[in-house]
Amino acid sequence: LKNMDERGAKRVEVSLRDEDRDMEILPWISEDEFNPNYLMRDLDQLPSRGSKPEWRHNQDYWVERNQIPATDLNAAEFVYDGQRGAGGRSNSG
């Protein structure tokens, strides 16, 4: 939120980078790693994830506690009010 306030942004979205456009799109969770029935029933209605590690939700606090604070919020995958992060192109659709 601090980063958004500094930018004066009202909205932020995550969007595929150009190098990720041909990446395989997978279900949000892997049946091999996490498969509660209440999620598996409606898996097709949940968001998807990419096959690259940076697009994977790993459900591992001990990994994510260091990764999340180190995230570059100016990277091209972040789109603030329709504009890509620093060095990226505009998200025109």
PDB file of N, CA and C in Angstrom:
ATOM      1  N   LEU A   1       0.816  -1.183   0.000  1.00  0.00           N
ATOM      2  CA  LEU A   1       0.000   0.000   0.000  1.00  0.00           C
ATOM      3  C   LEU A   1       0.866   1.255   0.000  1.00  0.00           C
ATOM      4  N   LYS A   2       1.977   1.195   0.715  1.00  0.00           N
ATOM      5  CA  LYS A   2       2.875   2.353   0.740  1.00  0.00           C
ATOM      6  C   LYS A   2       3.365   2.662  -0.676  1.00  0.00           C
ATOM      7  N   ASN A   3       3.744   1.629  -1.417  1.00  0.00           N
ATOM      8  CA  ASN A   3       4.206   1.817  -2.794  1.00  0.00           C
ATOM      9  C   ASN A   3       3.102   2.431  -3.653  1.00  0.00           C
ATOM     10  N   MET A   4       1.883   1.963  -3.488  1.00  0.00           N
ATOM     11  CA  MET A   4       0.758   2.516  -4.252  1.00  0.00           C
ATOM     12  C   MET A   4       0.510   3.972  -3.867  1.00  0.00           C
ATOM     13  N   ASP A   5       0.585   4.287  -2.583  1.00  0.00           N
ATOM     14  CA  ASP A   5       0.405   5.669  -2.142  1.00  0.00           C
ATOM     15  C   ASP A   5       1.473   6.577  -2.747  1.00  0.00           C
ATOM     16  N   GLU A   6       2.729   6.108  -2.762  1.00  0.00           N
ATOM     17  CA  GLU A   6       3.819   6.900  -3.336  1.00  0.00           C
ATOM     18  C   GLU A   6       3.604   7.161  -4.824  1.00  0.00           C
ATOM     19  N   ARG A   7       3.007   6.221  -5.517  1.00  0.00           N
ATOM     20  CA  ARG A   7       2.715   6.366  -6.947  1.00  0.00           C
ATOM     21  C   ARG A   7       1.425   7.138  -7.201  1.00  0.00           C
ATOM     22  N   GLY A   8       0.596   7.244  -6.174  1.00  0.00           N
ATOM     23  CA  GLY A   8      -0.728   7.828  -6.357  1.00  0.00           C
ATOM     24  C   GLY A   8      -1.657   6.875  -7.090  1.00  0.00           C
ATOM     25  N   ALA A   9      -1.365   5.583  -7.017  1.00  0.00           N
ATOM     26  CA  ALA A   9      -2.138   4.568  -7.734  1.00  0.00           C
ATOM     27  C   ALA A   9      -3.364   4.153  -6.929  1.00  0.00           C
ATOM     28  N   LYS A  10      -4.437   3.914  -7.628  1.00  0.00           N
ATOM     29  CA  LYS A  10      -5.675   3.437  -7.014  1.00  0.00           C
ATOM     30  C   LYS A  10      -5.856   1.938  -7.188  1.00  0.00           C
ATOM     31  N   ARG A  11      -5.131   1.347  -8.157  1.00  0.00           N
ATOM     32  CA  ARG A  11      -5.306  -0.073  -8.474  1.00  0.00           C
ATOM     33  C   ARG A  11      -3.978  -0.660  -8.940  1.00  0.00           C
ATOM     34  N   VAL A  12      -3.730  -1.906  -8.564  1.00  0.00           N
ATOM     35  CA  VAL A  12      -2.562  -2.638  -9.066  1.00  0.00           C
ATOM     36  C   VAL A  12      -3.028  -4.029  -9.475  1.00  0.00           C
ATOM     37  N   GLU A  13      -2.512  -4.491 -10.598  1.00  0.00           N
ATOM     38  CA  GLU A  13      -2.813  -5.828 -11.105  1.00  0.00           C
ATOM     39  C   GLU A  13      -1.501  -6.503 -11.475  1.00  0.00           C
ATOM     40  N   VAL A  14      -1.525  -7.813 -11.531  1.00  0.00           N
ATOM     41  CA  VAL A  14      -0.378  -8.572 -12.009  1.00  0.00           C
ATOM     42  C   VAL A  14      -0.722  -9.065 -13.407  1.00  0.00           C
ATOM     43  N   SER A  15       0.204  -8.868 -14.340  1.00  0.00           N
ATOM     44  CA  SER A  15      -0.018  -9.244 -15.731  1.00  0.00           C
ATOM     45  C   SER A  15       1.206  -9.988 -16.250  1.00  0.00           C
ATOM     46  N   LEU A  16       0.999 -10.870 -17.201  1.00  0.00           N
ATOM     47  CA  LEU A  16       2.123 -11.608 -17.777  1.00  0.00           C
ATOM     48  C   LEU A  16       3.116 -10.667 -18.442  1.00  0.00           C
ATOM     49  N   ARG A  17       4.391 -10.942 -18.226  1.00  0.00           N
ATOM     50  CA  ARG A  17       5.450 -10.230 -18.939  1.00  0.00           C
ATOM     51  C   ARG A  17       5.527 -10.788 -20.349  1.00  0.00           C
ATOM     52  N   ASP A  18       6.167 -10.065 -21.246  1.00  0.00           N
ATOM     53  CA  ASP A  18       6.306 -10.536 -22.627  1.00  0.00           C
ATOM     54  C   ASP A  18       6.952 -11.917 -22.681  1.00  0.00           C
ATOM     55  N   GLU A  19       7.974 -12.151 -21.841  1.00  0.00           N
ATOM     56  CA  GLU A  19       8.680 -13.436 -21.862  1.00  0.00           C
ATOM     57  C   GLU A  19       7.850 -14.585 -21.285  1.00  0.00           C
ATOM     58  N   ASP A  20       6.720 -14.264 -20.676  1.00  0.00           N
ATOM     59  CA  ASP A  20       5.857 -15.294 -20.101  1.00  0.00           C
ATOM     60  C   ASP A  20       4.652 -15.631 -20.975  1.00  0.00           C
ATOM     61  N   ARG A  21       4.504 -14.984 -22.095  1.00  0.00           N
ATOM     62  CA  ARG A  21       3.299 -15.143 -22.927  1.00  0.00           C
ATOM     63  C   ARG A  21       3.084 -16.581 -23.408  1.00  0.00           C
ATOM     64  N   ASP A  22       4.148 -17.345 -23.641  1.00  0.00           N
ATOM     65  CA  ASP A  22       4.018 -18.719 -24.129  1.00  0.00           C
ATOM     66  C   ASP A  22       4.118 -19.759 -23.015  1.00  0.00           C
ATOM     67  N   MET A  23       4.148 -19.306 -21.777  1.00  0.00           N
ATOM     68  CA  MET A  23       4.276 -20.196 -20.633  1.00  0.00           C
ATOM     69  C   MET A  23       3.008 -21.051 -20.480  1.00  0.00           C
ATOM     70  N   GLU A  24       3.194 -22.281 -20.047  1.00  0.00           N
ATOM     71  CA  GLU A  24       2.054 -23.160 -19.787  1.00  0.00           C
ATOM     72  C   GLU A  24       1.249 -22.617 -18.601  1.00  0.00           C
ATOM     73  N   ILE A  25      -0.058 -22.579 -18.738  1.00  0.00           N
ATOM     74  CA  ILE A  25      -0.943 -22.130 -17.665  1.00  0.00           C
ATOM     75  C   ILE A  25      -1.504 -23.364 -16.959  1.00  0.00           C
ATOM     76  N   LEU A  26      -1.378 -23.374 -15.637  1.00  0.00           N
ATOM     77  CA  LEU A  26      -1.747 -24.529 -14.816  1.00  0.00           C
ATOM     78  C   LEU A  26      -2.836 -24.155 -13.812  1.00  0.00           C
ATOM     79  N   PRO A  27      -3.475 -25.150 -13.207  1.00  0.00           N
ATOM     80  CA  PRO A  27      -4.425 -24.851 -12.129  1.00  0.00           C
ATOM     81  C   PRO A  27      -3.713 -24.149 -10.972  1.00  0.00           C
ATOM     82  N   TRP A  28      -4.466 -23.398 -10.186  1.00  0.00           N
ATOM     83  CA  TRP A  28      -3.908 -22.623  -9.084  1.00  0.00           C
ATOM     84  C   TRP A  28      -3.130 -23.483  -8.097  1.00  0.00           C
ATOM     85  N   ILE A  29      -3.633 -24.673  -7.804  1.00  0.00           N
ATOM     86  CA  ILE A  29      -2.950 -25.582  -6.883  1.00  0.00           C
ATOM     87  C   ILE A  29      -2.677 -26.903  -7.585  1.00  0.00           C
ATOM     88  N   SER A  30      -1.662 -27.592  -7.118  1.00  0.00           N
ATOM     89  CA  SER A  30      -1.298 -28.885  -7.679  1.00  0.00           C
ATOM     90  C   SER A  30      -1.964 -29.996  -6.870  1.00  0.00           C
ATOM     91  N   GLU A  31      -2.621 -30.905  -7.565  1.00  0.00           N
ATOM     92  CA  GLU A  31      -3.270 -32.031  -6.879  1.00  0.00           C
ATOM     93  C   GLU A  31      -2.266 -32.863  -6.094  1.00  0.00           C
ATOM     94  N   ASP A  32      -1.023 -32.894  -6.531  1.00  0.00           N
ATOM     95  CA  ASP A  32       0.008 -33.691  -5.863  1.00  0.00           C
ATOM     96  C   ASP A  32       0.448 -33.077  -4.542  1.00  0.00           C
ATOM     97  N   GLU A  33       0.301 -31.756  -4.392  1.00  0.00           N
ATOM     98  CA  GLU A  33       0.823 -31.074  -3.217  1.00  0.00           C
ATOM     99  C   GLU A  33      -0.248 -30.632  -2.227  1.00  0.00           C
ATOM    100  N   PHE A  34      -1.420 -30.277  -2.738  1.00  0.00           N
ATOM    101  CA  PHE A  34      -2.471 -29.729  -1.876  1.00  0.00           C
ATOM    102  C   PHE A  34      -3.800 -30.008  -2.551  1.00  0.00           C
ATOM    103  N   ASN A  35      -4.621 -30.878  -1.962  1.00  0.00           N
ATOM    104  CA  ASN A  35      -5.821 -31.300  -2.681  1.00  0.00           C
ATOM    105  C   ASN A  35      -7.067 -31.467  -1.811  1.00  0.00           C
ATOM    106  N   PRO A  36      -7.411 -30.486  -0.988  1.00  0.00           N
ATOM    107  CA  PRO A  36      -8.647 -30.627  -0.223  1.00  0.00           C
ATOM    108  C   PRO A  36      -9.851 -30.660  -1.170  1.00  0.00           C
ATOM    109  N   ASN A  37     -10.798 -31.499  -0.861  1.00  0.00           N
ATOM    110  CA  ASN A  37     -11.948 -31.709  -1.736  1.00  0.00           C
ATOM    111  C   ASN A  37     -12.735 -30.423  -1.995  1.00  0.00           C
ATOM    112  N   TYR A  38     -12.867 -29.561  -0.980  1.00  0.00           N
ATOM    113  CA  TYR A  38     -13.651 -28.339  -1.174  1.00  0.00           C
ATOM    114  C   TYR A  38     -13.020 -27.420  -2.217  1.00  0.00           C
ATOM    115  N   LEU A  39     -11.717 -27.477  -2.404  1.00  0.00           N
ATOM    116  CA  LEU A  39     -11.064 -26.699  -3.464  1.00  0.00           C
ATOM    117  C   LEU A  39     -11.069 -27.443  -4.789  1.00  0.00           C
ATOM    118  N   MET A  40     -10.832 -28.730  -4.742  1.00  0.00           N
ATOM    119  CA  MET A  40     -10.757 -29.510  -5.979  1.00  0.00           C
ATOM    120  C   MET A  40     -12.093 -29.504  -6.726  1.00  0.00           C
ATOM    121  N   ARG A  41     -13.203 -29.460  -5.993  1.00  0.00           N
ATOM    122  CA  ARG A  41     -14.533 -29.431  -6.629  1.00  0.00           C
ATOM    123  C   ARG A  41     -14.702 -28.239  -7.559  1.00  0.00           C
ATOM    124  N   ASP A  42     -14.154 -27.097  -7.165  1.00  0.00           N
ATOM    125  CA  ASP A  42     -14.335 -25.859  -7.927  1.00  0.00           C
ATOM    126  C   ASP A  42     -13.026 -25.316  -8.482  1.00  0.00           C
ATOM    127  N   LEU A  43     -12.067 -26.186  -8.695  1.00  0.00           N
ATOM    128  CA  LEU A  43     -10.754 -25.761  -9.173  1.00  0.00           C
ATOM    129  C   LEU A  43     -10.839 -24.965 -10.473  1.00  0.00           C
ATOM    130  N   ASP A  44     -11.778 -25.317 -11.325  1.00  0.00           N
ATOM    131  CA  ASP A  44     -11.918 -24.615 -12.602  1.00  0.00           C
ATOM    132  C   ASP A  44     -12.396 -23.173 -12.428  1.00  0.00           C
ATOM    133  N   GLN A  45     -12.889 -22.826 -11.248  1.00  0.00           N
ATOM    134  CA  GLN A  45     -13.364 -21.468 -10.992  1.00  0.00           C
ATOM    135  C   GLN A  45     -12.327 -20.610 -10.270  1.00  0.00           C
ATOM    136  N   LEU A  46     -11.226 -21.213  -9.842  1.00  0.00           N
ATOM    137  CA  LEU A  46     -10.160 -20.485  -9.154  1.00  0.00           C
ATOM    138  C   LEU A  46      -9.196 -19.881 -10.173  1.00  0.00           C
ATOM    139  N   PRO A  47      -8.423 -18.878  -9.758  1.00  0.00           N
ATOM    140  CA  PRO A  47      -7.419 -18.320 -10.670  1.00  0.00           C
ATOM    141  C   PRO A  47      -6.417 -19.388 -11.094  1.00  0.00           C
ATOM    142  N   SER A  48      -5.752 -19.150 -12.199  1.00  0.00           N
ATOM    143  CA  SER A  48      -4.718 -20.067 -12.692  1.00  0.00           C
ATOM    144  C   SER A  48      -3.349 -19.557 -12.277  1.00  0.00           C
ATOM    145  N   ARG A  49      -2.328 -20.341 -12.579  1.00  0.00           N
ATOM    146  CA  ARG A  49      -0.945 -19.937 -12.310  1.00  0.00           C
ATOM    147  C   ARG A  49      -0.100 -20.341 -13.501  1.00  0.00           C
ATOM    148  N   GLY A  50       1.068 -19.742 -13.590  1.00  0.00           N
ATOM    149  CA  GLY A  50       1.996 -20.099 -14.647  1.00  0.00           C
ATOM    150  C   GLY A  50       2.923 -21.208 -14.202  1.00  0.00           C
ATOM    151  N   SER A  51       3.619 -21.806 -15.146  1.00  0.00           N
ATOM    152  CA  SER A  51       4.511 -22.923 -14.844  1.00  0.00           C
ATOM    153  C   SER A  51       5.873 -22.474 -14.319  1.00  0.00           C
ATOM    154  N   LYS A  52       6.225 -21.196 -14.477  1.00  0.00           N
ATOM    155  CA  LYS A  52       7.509 -20.697 -13.968  1.00  0.00           C
ATOM    156  C   LYS A  52       7.412 -20.473 -12.460  1.00  0.00           C
ATOM    157  N   PRO A  53       8.525 -20.651 -11.753  1.00  0.00           N
ATOM    158  CA  PRO A  53       8.490 -20.552 -10.284  1.00  0.00           C
ATOM    159  C   PRO A  53       7.912 -19.237  -9.755  1.00  0.00           C
ATOM    160  N   GLU A  54       8.185 -18.129 -10.416  1.00  0.00           N
ATOM    161  CA  GLU A  54       7.699 -16.847  -9.905  1.00  0.00           C
ATOM    162  C   GLU A  54       6.179 -16.679 -10.028  1.00  0.00           C
ATOM    163  N   TRP A  55       5.527 -17.551 -10.764  1.00  0.00           N
ATOM    164  CA  TRP A  55       4.070 -17.509 -10.912  1.00  0.00           C
ATOM    165  C   TRP A  55       3.400 -18.601 -10.086  1.00  0.00           C
ATOM    166  N   ARG A  56       4.159 -19.271  -9.254  1.00  0.00           N
ATOM    167  CA  ARG A  56       3.649 -20.402  -8.485  1.00  0.00           C
ATOM    168  C   ARG A  56       3.341 -19.986  -7.051  1.00  0.00           C
ATOM    169  N   HIS A  57       2.183 -20.370  -6.580  1.00  0.00           N
ATOM    170  CA  HIS A  57       1.802 -20.162  -5.180  1.00  0.00           C
ATOM    171  C   HIS A  57       2.208 -21.429  -4.440  1.00  0.00           C
ATOM    172  N   ASN A  58       3.227 -21.339  -3.584  1.00  0.00           N
ATOM    173  CA  ASN A  58       3.780 -22.574  -3.037  1.00  0.00           C
ATOM    174  C   ASN A  58       3.273 -22.967  -1.652  1.00  0.00           C
ATOM    175  N   GLN A  59       2.469 -22.153  -1.005  1.00  0.00           N
ATOM    176  CA  GLN A  59       1.909 -22.507   0.302  1.00  0.00           C
ATOM    177  C   GLN A  59       2.994 -22.779   1.346  1.00  0.00           C
ATOM    178  N   ASP A  60       4.160 -22.171   1.205  1.00  0.00           N
ATOM    179  CA  ASP A  60       5.263 -22.431   2.131  1.00  0.00           C
ATOM    180  C   ASP A  60       5.685 -21.127   2.812  1.00  0.00           C
ATOM    181  N   TYR A  61       5.221 -20.934   4.028  1.00  0.00           N
ATOM    182  CA  TYR A  61       5.526 -19.715   4.769  1.00  0.00           C
ATOM    183  C   TYR A  61       7.024 -19.474   4.870  1.00  0.00           C
ATOM    184  N   TRP A  62       7.803 -20.502   5.126  1.00  0.00           N
ATOM    185  CA  TRP A  62       9.236 -20.343   5.361  1.00  0.00           C
ATOM    186  C   TRP A  62       9.970 -19.875   4.108  1.00  0.00           C
ATOM    187  N   VAL A  63       9.449 -20.158   2.952  1.00  0.00           N
ATOM    188  CA  VAL A  63      10.029 -19.656   1.703  1.00  0.00           C
ATOM    189  C   VAL A  63       9.504 -18.251   1.417  1.00  0.00           C
ATOM    190  N   GLU A  64       8.191 -18.094   1.501  1.00  0.00           N
ATOM    191  CA  GLU A  64       7.565 -16.831   1.119  1.00  0.00           C
ATOM    192  C   GLU A  64       7.868 -15.684   2.082  1.00  0.00           C
ATOM    193  N   ARG A  65       8.211 -15.977   3.324  1.00  0.00           N
ATOM    194  CA  ARG A  65       8.501 -14.889   4.269  1.00  0.00           C
ATOM    195  C   ARG A  65       9.714 -14.075   3.842  1.00  0.00           C
ATOM    196  N   ASN A  66      10.611 -14.667   3.058  1.00  0.00           N
ATOM    197  CA  ASN A  66      11.756 -13.930   2.521  1.00  0.00           C
ATOM    198  C   ASN A  66      11.503 -13.443   1.095  1.00  0.00           C
ATOM    199  N   GLN A  67      10.782 -14.223   0.312  1.00  0.00           N
ATOM    200  CA  GLN A  67      10.538 -13.865  -1.086  1.00  0.00           C
ATOM    201  C   GLN A  67       9.612 -12.667  -1.232  1.00  0.00           C
ATOM    202  N   ILE A  68       8.535 -12.650  -0.497  1.00  0.00           N
ATOM    203  CA  ILE A  68       7.542 -11.585  -0.673  1.00  0.00           C
ATOM    204  C   ILE A  68       8.116 -10.209  -0.347  1.00  0.00           C
ATOM    205  N   PRO A  69       8.808 -10.003   0.775  1.00  0.00           N
ATOM    206  CA  PRO A  69       9.367  -8.673   1.027  1.00  0.00           C
ATOM    207  C   PRO A  69      10.441  -8.256   0.012  1.00  0.00           C
ATOM    208  N   ALA A  70      11.068  -9.223  -0.656  1.00  0.00           N
ATOM    209  CA  ALA A  70      12.114  -8.917  -1.639  1.00  0.00           C
ATOM    210  C   ALA A  70      11.550  -8.669  -3.040  1.00  0.00           C
ATOM    211  N   THR A  71      10.239  -8.733  -3.202  1.00  0.00           N
ATOM    212  CA  THR A  71       9.614  -8.549  -4.511  1.00  0.00           C
ATOM    213  C   THR A  71       9.838  -7.134  -5.025  1.00  0.00           C
ATOM    214  N   ASP A  72      10.264  -7.022  -6.288  1.00  0.00           N
ATOM    215  CA  ASP A  72      10.455  -5.721  -6.934  1.00  0.00           C
ATOM    216  C   ASP A  72       9.100  -5.209  -7.402  1.00  0.00           C
ATOM    217  N   LEU A  73       8.537  -4.267  -6.681  1.00  0.00           N
ATOM    218  CA  LEU A  73       7.208  -3.749  -7.007  1.00  0.00           C
ATOM    219  C   LEU A  73       7.212  -2.830  -8.224  1.00  0.00           C
ATOM    220  N   ASN A  74       8.396  -2.567  -8.787  1.00  0.00           N
ATOM    221  CA  ASN A  74       8.502  -1.781 -10.017  1.00  0.00           C
ATOM    222  C   ASN A  74       8.705  -2.670 -11.236  1.00  0.00           C
ATOM    223  N   ALA A  75       8.666  -3.973 -11.055  1.00  0.00           N
ATOM    224  CA  ALA A  75       8.891  -4.915 -12.155  1.00  0.00           C
ATOM    225  C   ALA A  75       7.745  -4.845 -13.166  1.00  0.00           C
ATOM    226  N   ALA A  76       8.026  -5.310 -14.373  1.00  0.00           N
ATOM    227  CA  ALA A  76       7.082  -5.196 -15.488  1.00  0.00           C
ATOM    228  C   ALA A  76       5.780  -5.955 -15.273  1.00  0.00           C
ATOM    229  N   GLU A  77       5.760  -6.957 -14.407  1.00  0.00           N
ATOM    230  CA  GLU A  77       4.525  -7.715 -14.207  1.00  0.00           C
ATOM    231  C   GLU A  77       3.480  -6.958 -13.383  1.00  0.00           C
ATOM    232  N   PHE A  78       3.879  -5.877 -12.729  1.00  0.00           N
ATOM    233  CA  PHE A  78       2.934  -5.077 -11.955  1.00  0.00           C
ATOM    234  C   PHE A  78       2.403  -3.935 -12.808  1.00  0.00           C
ATOM    235  N   VAL A  79       1.093  -3.826 -12.868  1.00  0.00           N
ATOM    236  CA  VAL A  79       0.427  -2.801 -13.674  1.00  0.00           C
ATOM    237  C   VAL A  79      -0.351  -1.899 -12.718  1.00  0.00           C
ATOM    238  N   TYR A  80       0.088  -0.636 -12.621  1.00  0.00           N
ATOM    239  CA  TYR A  80      -0.540   0.341 -11.738  1.00  0.00           C
ATOM    240  C   TYR A  80      -1.429   1.264 -12.557  1.00  0.00           C
ATOM    241  N   ASP A  81      -2.708   1.255 -12.280  1.00  0.00           N
ATOM    242  CA  ASP A  81      -3.667   2.109 -12.997  1.00  0.00           C
ATOM    243  C   ASP A  81      -3.465   2.035 -14.502  1.00  0.00           C
ATOM    244  N   GLY A  82      -3.215   0.823 -15.016  1.00  0.00           N
ATOM    245  CA  GLY A  82      -3.073   0.618 -16.454  1.00  0.00           C
ATOM    246  C   GLY A  82      -1.676   0.837 -17.000  1.00  0.00           C
ATOM    247  N   GLN A  83      -0.695   1.194 -16.156  1.00  0.00           N
ATOM    248  CA  GLN A  83       0.679   1.423 -16.606  1.00  0.00           C
ATOM    249  C   GLN A  83       1.608   0.393 -15.979  1.00  0.00           C
ATOM    250  N   ARG A  84       2.440  -0.220 -16.819  1.00  0.00           N
ATOM    251  CA  ARG A  84       3.398  -1.216 -16.325  1.00  0.00           C
ATOM    252  C   ARG A  84       4.418  -0.564 -15.409  1.00  0.00           C
ATOM    253  N   GLY A  85       5.053  -1.401 -14.565  1.00  0.00           N
ATOM    254  CA  GLY A  85       6.112  -0.937 -13.676  1.00  0.00           C
ATOM    255  C   GLY A  85       7.269  -0.340 -14.464  1.00  0.00           C
ATOM    256  N   ALA A  86       8.221   0.241 -13.774  1.00  0.00           N
ATOM    257  CA  ALA A  86       9.359   0.917 -14.402  1.00  0.00           C
ATOM    258  C   ALA A  86      10.028   0.029 -15.435  1.00  0.00           C
ATOM    259  N   GLY A  87      10.322   0.587 -16.574  1.00  0.00           N
ATOM    260  CA  GLY A  87      10.998  -0.152 -17.631  1.00  0.00           C
ATOM    261  C   GLY A  87      10.080  -0.997 -18.470  1.00  0.00           C
ATOM    262  N   GLY A  88       8.818  -1.077 -18.096  1.00  0.00           N
ATOM    263  CA  GLY A  88       7.861  -1.874 -18.854  1.00  0.00           C
ATOM    264  C   GLY A  88       7.064  -1.023 -19.821  1.00  0.00           C
ATOM    265  N   ARG A  89       6.205  -1.680 -20.575  1.00  0.00           N
ATOM    266  CA  ARG A  89       5.362  -0.956 -21.524  1.00  0.00           C
ATOM    267  C   ARG A  89       3.975  -0.769 -20.927  1.00  0.00           C
ATOM    268  N   SER A  90       3.209   0.090 -21.512  1.00  0.00           N
ATOM    269  CA  SER A  90       1.845   0.330 -21.067  1.00  0.00           C
ATOM    270  C   SER A  90       0.989  -0.900 -21.297  1.00  0.00           C
ATOM    271  N   ASN A  91       0.054  -1.142 -20.407  1.00  0.00           N
ATOM    272  CA  ASN A  91      -0.875  -2.259 -20.564  1.00  0.00           C
ATOM    273  C   ASN A  91      -2.100  -1.754 -21.307  1.00  0.00           C
ATOM    274  N   SER A  92      -2.077  -1.858 -22.612  1.00  0.00           N
ATOM    275  CA  SER A  92      -3.158  -1.304 -23.420  1.00  0.00           C
ATOM    276  C   SER A  92      -4.246  -2.322 -23.702  1.00  0.00           C
ATOM    277  N   GLY A  93      -4.220  -3.454 -23.097  1.00  0.00           N
ATOM    278  CA  GLY A  93      -5.294  -4.409 -23.296  1.00  0.00           C
ATOM    279  C   GLY A  93      -4.751  -5.730 -23.532  1.00  0.00           C
TER     280      GLY A  93
END
